[in-house]
């Protein structure tokens, strides 16, 4: 699952409700949906008519969930989504309530939640939360 601005699996702030299941969302649903699609596909001429979002209700019914976030651009939203309050303003925050949720981060994505070492660690170092 991709995590950008708290969205994942097609679930967007201001669009997704925690009780939503899997559903079709037209690209013209609102400006935020359209902007997210442009960002995802790279240009307006590639925006599809819509997409299927696996809603929070559907995702939370999974026995296990694994989310991977890499890169510095994910650091702030990782902090908001997984160390802040559970809120529909950050759809991924609902994953905090899943009984078997694993979040895998590289050092850059974890930068806002872990103290920074005085000496740079080896590249292959593993971080356990």
N, C-alpha and C. Protein backbone atom coordinates (compact mmCIF):
# COMPACT_ATOMS: atom_id res chain seq x y z
N UNK A 1 0.84 -1.18 0.00
CA UNK A 1 0.00 0.00 0.00
C UNK A 1 0.89 1.24 0.00
N UNK A 2 0.49 2.22 -0.76
CA UNK A 2 1.24 3.47 -0.81
C UNK A 2 0.69 4.42 0.25
N UNK A 3 1.58 5.14 0.89
CA UNK A 3 1.19 6.10 1.91
C UNK A 3 1.69 7.48 1.53
N UNK A 4 0.78 8.34 1.09
CA UNK A 4 1.10 9.72 0.77
C UNK A 4 -0.04 10.57 1.31
N UNK A 5 0.27 11.56 2.11
CA UNK A 5 -0.75 12.43 2.70
C UNK A 5 -1.81 11.64 3.44
N UNK A 6 -1.45 10.51 4.00
CA UNK A 6 -2.38 9.71 4.78
C UNK A 6 -3.30 8.85 3.96
N UNK A 7 -3.12 8.87 2.64
CA UNK A 7 -3.98 8.04 1.79
C UNK A 7 -3.30 6.69 1.57
N UNK A 8 -4.10 5.69 1.36
CA UNK A 8 -3.60 4.35 1.07
C UNK A 8 -4.71 3.60 0.37
N UNK A 9 -4.35 2.74 -0.53
CA UNK A 9 -5.32 1.89 -1.25
C UNK A 9 -6.47 2.71 -1.84
N UNK A 10 -6.19 3.93 -2.28
CA UNK A 10 -7.21 4.77 -2.89
C UNK A 10 -8.08 5.52 -1.91
N UNK A 11 -7.77 5.46 -0.63
CA UNK A 11 -8.56 6.15 0.39
C UNK A 11 -7.95 7.52 0.65
N UNK A 12 -8.78 8.56 0.51
CA UNK A 12 -8.29 9.94 0.58
C UNK A 12 -8.92 10.69 1.74
N UNK A 13 -8.14 11.60 2.36
CA UNK A 13 -8.71 12.48 3.38
C UNK A 13 -9.86 13.29 2.76
N UNK A 14 -10.95 13.44 3.50
CA UNK A 14 -12.08 14.21 3.01
C UNK A 14 -13.00 13.45 2.06
N UNK A 15 -12.60 12.25 1.67
CA UNK A 15 -13.40 11.43 0.76
C UNK A 15 -13.78 10.13 1.45
N UNK A 16 -12.84 9.54 2.15
CA UNK A 16 -13.02 8.23 2.77
C UNK A 16 -13.61 8.35 4.17
N UNK A 17 -14.56 7.49 4.45
CA UNK A 17 -15.11 7.31 5.80
C UNK A 17 -14.65 5.93 6.28
N UNK A 18 -14.39 5.80 7.57
CA UNK A 18 -13.88 4.53 8.08
C UNK A 18 -14.82 3.36 7.82
N UNK A 19 -16.12 3.61 7.68
CA UNK A 19 -17.07 2.52 7.44
C UNK A 19 -17.18 2.12 5.97
N UNK A 20 -16.45 2.80 5.08
CA UNK A 20 -16.49 2.49 3.65
C UNK A 20 -15.85 1.13 3.35
N UNK A 21 -16.54 0.37 2.50
CA UNK A 21 -15.98 -0.87 1.98
C UNK A 21 -15.36 -0.59 0.62
N UNK A 22 -15.11 -1.64 -0.12
CA UNK A 22 -14.57 -1.49 -1.47
C UNK A 22 -15.62 -0.83 -2.35
N UNK A 23 -15.19 0.18 -3.12
CA UNK A 23 -16.16 0.92 -3.92
C UNK A 23 -15.48 1.59 -5.12
N UNK A 24 -16.29 1.99 -6.08
CA UNK A 24 -15.82 2.71 -7.26
C UNK A 24 -15.90 4.21 -6.96
N UNK A 25 -14.83 4.93 -7.31
CA UNK A 25 -14.80 6.38 -7.10
C UNK A 25 -14.51 7.03 -8.46
N UNK A 26 -15.47 7.84 -8.98
CA UNK A 26 -15.22 8.52 -10.25
C UNK A 26 -14.14 9.58 -10.09
N UNK A 27 -13.33 9.76 -11.10
CA UNK A 27 -12.23 10.72 -11.02
C UNK A 27 -12.72 12.15 -10.82
N UNK A 28 -13.93 12.43 -11.22
CA UNK A 28 -14.50 13.78 -11.08
C UNK A 28 -15.29 13.92 -9.78
N UNK A 29 -15.13 13.00 -8.83
CA UNK A 29 -15.88 13.05 -7.57
C UNK A 29 -15.68 14.38 -6.85
N UNK A 30 -14.44 14.85 -6.81
CA UNK A 30 -14.14 16.18 -6.27
C UNK A 30 -12.71 16.54 -6.69
N UNK A 31 -12.32 17.77 -6.39
CA UNK A 31 -11.00 18.25 -6.81
C UNK A 31 -9.87 17.43 -6.20
N UNK A 32 -10.05 16.97 -4.96
CA UNK A 32 -8.99 16.21 -4.29
C UNK A 32 -8.78 14.85 -4.97
N UNK A 33 -9.85 14.18 -5.34
CA UNK A 33 -9.73 12.91 -6.05
C UNK A 33 -9.00 13.12 -7.37
N UNK A 34 -9.41 14.12 -8.13
CA UNK A 34 -8.80 14.39 -9.42
C UNK A 34 -7.31 14.72 -9.25
N UNK A 35 -6.97 15.56 -8.28
CA UNK A 35 -5.56 15.93 -8.05
C UNK A 35 -4.74 14.71 -7.64
N UNK A 36 -5.31 13.84 -6.82
CA UNK A 36 -4.59 12.63 -6.41
C UNK A 36 -4.33 11.72 -7.60
N UNK A 37 -5.30 11.62 -8.50
CA UNK A 37 -5.12 10.79 -9.69
C UNK A 37 -4.07 11.39 -10.62
N UNK A 38 -4.08 12.70 -10.80
CA UNK A 38 -3.06 13.34 -11.63
C UNK A 38 -1.68 13.06 -11.04
N UNK A 39 -1.55 13.20 -9.73
CA UNK A 39 -0.27 12.94 -9.05
C UNK A 39 0.16 11.48 -9.27
N UNK A 40 -0.79 10.56 -9.17
CA UNK A 40 -0.48 9.13 -9.29
C UNK A 40 -0.08 8.74 -10.70
N UNK A 41 -0.81 9.23 -11.70
CA UNK A 41 -0.54 8.81 -13.09
C UNK A 41 0.42 9.73 -13.84
N UNK A 42 0.68 10.92 -13.29
CA UNK A 42 1.71 11.78 -13.86
C UNK A 42 1.25 12.90 -14.76
N UNK A 43 0.04 12.84 -15.29
CA UNK A 43 -0.45 13.94 -16.13
C UNK A 43 -1.97 13.84 -16.28
N UNK A 44 -2.58 14.98 -16.60
CA UNK A 44 -4.05 15.01 -16.72
C UNK A 44 -4.57 14.13 -17.85
N UNK A 45 -3.80 14.01 -18.94
CA UNK A 45 -4.28 13.22 -20.07
C UNK A 45 -4.29 11.71 -19.79
N UNK A 46 -3.70 11.29 -18.68
CA UNK A 46 -3.68 9.87 -18.32
C UNK A 46 -4.68 9.52 -17.22
N UNK A 47 -5.42 10.51 -16.71
CA UNK A 47 -6.35 10.27 -15.61
C UNK A 47 -7.49 9.36 -16.09
N UNK A 48 -7.73 8.25 -15.38
CA UNK A 48 -8.83 7.35 -15.76
C UNK A 48 -10.18 7.95 -15.36
N UNK A 49 -11.25 7.33 -15.83
CA UNK A 49 -12.60 7.80 -15.48
C UNK A 49 -12.88 7.62 -13.99
N UNK A 50 -12.18 6.70 -13.37
CA UNK A 50 -12.37 6.43 -11.95
C UNK A 50 -11.48 5.29 -11.53
N UNK A 51 -11.64 4.87 -10.30
CA UNK A 51 -10.82 3.77 -9.78
C UNK A 51 -11.59 3.05 -8.67
N UNK A 52 -11.11 1.89 -8.32
CA UNK A 52 -11.70 1.12 -7.23
C UNK A 52 -10.82 1.29 -6.01
N UNK A 53 -11.43 1.71 -4.91
CA UNK A 53 -10.71 1.87 -3.65
C UNK A 53 -11.12 0.75 -2.70
N UNK A 54 -10.16 0.11 -2.13
CA UNK A 54 -10.44 -0.88 -1.10
C UNK A 54 -10.58 -0.10 0.20
N UNK A 55 -11.80 0.09 0.66
CA UNK A 55 -12.08 0.94 1.81
C UNK A 55 -11.55 0.39 3.13
N UNK A 56 -11.50 1.27 4.15
CA UNK A 56 -11.00 0.88 5.46
C UNK A 56 -11.73 -0.34 6.05
N UNK A 57 -13.04 -0.39 5.89
CA UNK A 57 -13.80 -1.53 6.44
C UNK A 57 -13.31 -2.84 5.82
N UNK A 58 -13.08 -2.85 4.52
CA UNK A 58 -12.58 -4.03 3.84
C UNK A 58 -11.16 -4.37 4.30
N UNK A 59 -10.30 -3.37 4.33
CA UNK A 59 -8.90 -3.59 4.73
C UNK A 59 -8.80 -4.07 6.17
N UNK A 60 -9.58 -3.47 7.05
CA UNK A 60 -9.50 -3.84 8.48
C UNK A 60 -10.00 -5.26 8.74
N UNK A 61 -10.69 -5.86 7.77
CA UNK A 61 -11.16 -7.24 7.95
C UNK A 61 -10.06 -8.27 7.63
N UNK A 62 -8.93 -7.80 7.11
CA UNK A 62 -7.81 -8.70 6.80
C UNK A 62 -7.20 -9.26 8.09
N UNK A 63 -6.72 -10.49 8.04
CA UNK A 63 -6.08 -11.10 9.21
C UNK A 63 -4.76 -10.42 9.54
N UNK A 64 -4.01 -10.05 8.52
CA UNK A 64 -2.72 -9.39 8.70
C UNK A 64 -2.60 -8.28 7.67
N UNK A 65 -1.94 -7.18 8.08
CA UNK A 65 -1.68 -6.07 7.16
C UNK A 65 -0.21 -5.70 7.27
N UNK A 66 0.43 -5.53 6.12
CA UNK A 66 1.81 -5.07 6.04
C UNK A 66 1.82 -3.80 5.20
N UNK A 67 2.38 -2.72 5.73
CA UNK A 67 2.55 -1.49 4.97
C UNK A 67 4.04 -1.16 4.95
N UNK A 68 4.52 -0.77 3.79
CA UNK A 68 5.92 -0.41 3.62
C UNK A 68 5.99 1.05 3.20
N UNK A 69 6.83 1.82 3.87
CA UNK A 69 7.03 3.22 3.51
C UNK A 69 8.52 3.51 3.46
N UNK A 70 8.98 4.02 2.34
CA UNK A 70 10.39 4.34 2.15
C UNK A 70 10.55 5.79 1.74
N UNK A 71 11.60 6.40 2.19
CA UNK A 71 11.97 7.74 1.74
C UNK A 71 11.59 8.85 2.69
N UNK A 72 12.36 9.90 2.61
CA UNK A 72 12.19 11.07 3.48
C UNK A 72 10.82 11.72 3.32
N UNK A 73 10.26 11.69 2.10
CA UNK A 73 8.97 12.34 1.89
C UNK A 73 7.83 11.66 2.65
N UNK A 74 8.06 10.47 3.17
CA UNK A 74 7.03 9.76 3.93
C UNK A 74 7.13 10.00 5.44
N UNK A 75 8.23 10.59 5.91
CA UNK A 75 8.50 10.70 7.35
C UNK A 75 7.40 11.43 8.12
N UNK A 76 6.97 12.57 7.65
CA UNK A 76 5.97 13.35 8.39
C UNK A 76 4.63 12.63 8.43
N UNK A 77 4.19 12.05 7.32
CA UNK A 77 2.89 11.39 7.32
C UNK A 77 2.94 10.10 8.13
N UNK A 78 4.08 9.42 8.19
CA UNK A 78 4.20 8.24 9.06
C UNK A 78 3.97 8.66 10.51
N UNK A 79 4.57 9.76 10.90
CA UNK A 79 4.38 10.27 12.27
C UNK A 79 2.92 10.60 12.53
N UNK A 80 2.28 11.32 11.60
CA UNK A 80 0.88 11.70 11.77
C UNK A 80 -0.05 10.49 11.80
N UNK A 81 0.16 9.57 10.86
CA UNK A 81 -0.75 8.44 10.70
C UNK A 81 -0.63 7.40 11.81
N UNK A 82 0.59 7.16 12.29
CA UNK A 82 0.78 6.04 13.21
C UNK A 82 1.17 6.43 14.62
N UNK A 83 1.41 7.73 14.85
CA UNK A 83 1.76 8.20 16.18
C UNK A 83 0.89 9.38 16.59
N UNK A 84 -0.13 9.67 15.79
CA UNK A 84 -1.08 10.73 16.10
C UNK A 84 -2.45 10.12 16.35
N UNK A 85 -3.46 10.96 16.47
CA UNK A 85 -4.81 10.43 16.72
C UNK A 85 -5.38 9.71 15.51
N UNK A 86 -6.28 8.78 15.75
CA UNK A 86 -7.01 8.11 14.67
C UNK A 86 -8.09 9.08 14.20
N UNK A 87 -8.03 9.41 12.90
CA UNK A 87 -8.93 10.43 12.36
C UNK A 87 -9.15 10.19 10.87
N UNK A 88 -10.37 10.44 10.41
CA UNK A 88 -10.65 10.33 8.98
C UNK A 88 -9.89 11.37 8.18
N UNK A 89 -9.34 12.40 8.84
CA UNK A 89 -8.50 13.37 8.15
C UNK A 89 -7.19 12.75 7.68
N UNK A 90 -6.80 11.65 8.32
CA UNK A 90 -5.62 10.87 7.94
C UNK A 90 -6.09 9.42 7.84
N UNK A 91 -6.66 9.03 6.69
CA UNK A 91 -7.28 7.70 6.57
C UNK A 91 -6.42 6.53 7.05
N UNK A 92 -5.11 6.57 6.82
CA UNK A 92 -4.25 5.46 7.23
C UNK A 92 -4.16 5.31 8.74
N UNK A 93 -4.56 6.33 9.49
CA UNK A 93 -4.47 6.25 10.95
C UNK A 93 -5.33 5.13 11.52
N UNK A 94 -6.39 4.71 10.82
CA UNK A 94 -7.24 3.61 11.30
C UNK A 94 -6.44 2.32 11.46
N UNK A 95 -5.34 2.20 10.71
CA UNK A 95 -4.53 0.98 10.79
C UNK A 95 -3.90 0.80 12.17
N UNK A 96 -3.81 1.86 12.97
CA UNK A 96 -3.33 1.73 14.35
C UNK A 96 -4.19 0.76 15.15
N UNK A 97 -5.45 0.65 14.79
CA UNK A 97 -6.40 -0.18 15.54
C UNK A 97 -6.42 -1.64 15.09
N UNK A 98 -5.68 -1.97 14.05
CA UNK A 98 -5.67 -3.35 13.56
C UNK A 98 -4.83 -4.21 14.50
N UNK A 99 -5.32 -5.40 14.88
CA UNK A 99 -4.58 -6.23 15.84
C UNK A 99 -3.31 -6.88 15.29
N UNK A 100 -3.15 -6.91 13.98
CA UNK A 100 -1.96 -7.56 13.40
C UNK A 100 -1.43 -6.71 12.24
N UNK A 101 -1.04 -5.48 12.55
CA UNK A 101 -0.55 -4.53 11.57
C UNK A 101 0.96 -4.39 11.73
N UNK A 102 1.69 -4.49 10.61
CA UNK A 102 3.13 -4.31 10.61
C UNK A 102 3.47 -3.16 9.69
N UNK A 103 4.29 -2.25 10.18
CA UNK A 103 4.75 -1.11 9.40
C UNK A 103 6.25 -1.25 9.22
N UNK A 104 6.70 -1.34 7.98
CA UNK A 104 8.12 -1.48 7.66
C UNK A 104 8.60 -0.16 7.07
N UNK A 105 9.63 0.42 7.69
CA UNK A 105 10.16 1.72 7.28
C UNK A 105 11.65 1.65 7.06
N UNK A 106 12.14 2.47 6.14
CA UNK A 106 13.58 2.66 6.07
C UNK A 106 13.92 3.81 7.03
N UNK A 107 15.20 4.06 7.23
CA UNK A 107 15.62 5.09 8.19
C UNK A 107 15.04 6.46 7.84
N UNK A 108 14.98 6.81 6.55
CA UNK A 108 14.46 8.12 6.15
C UNK A 108 12.98 8.26 6.48
N UNK A 109 12.18 7.24 6.22
CA UNK A 109 10.75 7.30 6.53
C UNK A 109 10.51 7.32 8.04
N UNK A 110 11.45 6.79 8.81
CA UNK A 110 11.33 6.76 10.27
C UNK A 110 11.95 7.99 10.93
N UNK A 111 12.45 8.93 10.15
CA UNK A 111 13.22 10.06 10.68
C UNK A 111 12.45 10.91 11.70
N UNK A 112 11.14 11.01 11.57
CA UNK A 112 10.36 11.84 12.49
C UNK A 112 9.98 11.12 13.78
N UNK A 113 10.19 9.81 13.83
CA UNK A 113 9.76 9.06 15.02
C UNK A 113 10.91 8.45 15.81
N UNK A 114 12.10 8.42 15.24
CA UNK A 114 13.25 7.86 15.93
C UNK A 114 14.30 8.92 16.18
N UNK A 115 15.00 8.84 17.31
CA UNK A 115 16.11 9.77 17.51
C UNK A 115 17.19 9.49 16.48
N UNK A 116 17.82 10.54 16.03
CA UNK A 116 18.87 10.39 15.02
C UNK A 116 20.20 10.05 15.72
N UNK A 117 20.90 9.05 15.22
CA UNK A 117 22.18 8.67 15.83
C UNK A 117 23.25 9.73 15.60
N UNK A 118 24.20 9.81 16.53
CA UNK A 118 25.30 10.76 16.41
C UNK A 118 26.22 10.37 15.27
N UNK A 119 26.32 9.06 15.00
CA UNK A 119 27.17 8.53 13.93
C UNK A 119 26.25 7.80 12.94
N UNK A 120 26.47 8.00 11.66
CA UNK A 120 25.64 7.34 10.65
C UNK A 120 25.76 5.82 10.78
N UNK A 121 24.61 5.12 10.82
CA UNK A 121 24.63 3.65 10.93
C UNK A 121 25.02 3.00 9.61
N UNK A 122 25.35 1.72 9.70
CA UNK A 122 25.64 0.95 8.49
C UNK A 122 24.37 0.90 7.65
N UNK A 123 24.52 0.85 6.34
CA UNK A 123 23.36 0.87 5.45
C UNK A 123 22.41 -0.28 5.68
N UNK A 124 22.90 -1.42 6.10
CA UNK A 124 22.05 -2.60 6.24
C UNK A 124 21.48 -2.75 7.64
N UNK A 125 21.63 -1.76 8.49
CA UNK A 125 21.13 -1.86 9.86
C UNK A 125 19.62 -2.03 9.87
N UNK A 126 19.10 -2.84 10.77
CA UNK A 126 17.68 -3.07 10.92
C UNK A 126 17.18 -2.27 12.12
N UNK A 127 16.02 -1.63 11.97
CA UNK A 127 15.42 -0.87 13.06
C UNK A 127 14.19 -1.63 13.53
N UNK A 128 14.08 -1.87 14.82
CA UNK A 128 12.93 -2.54 15.38
C UNK A 128 12.20 -1.56 16.29
N UNK A 129 10.91 -1.37 16.04
CA UNK A 129 10.09 -0.48 16.89
C UNK A 129 9.39 -1.30 17.94
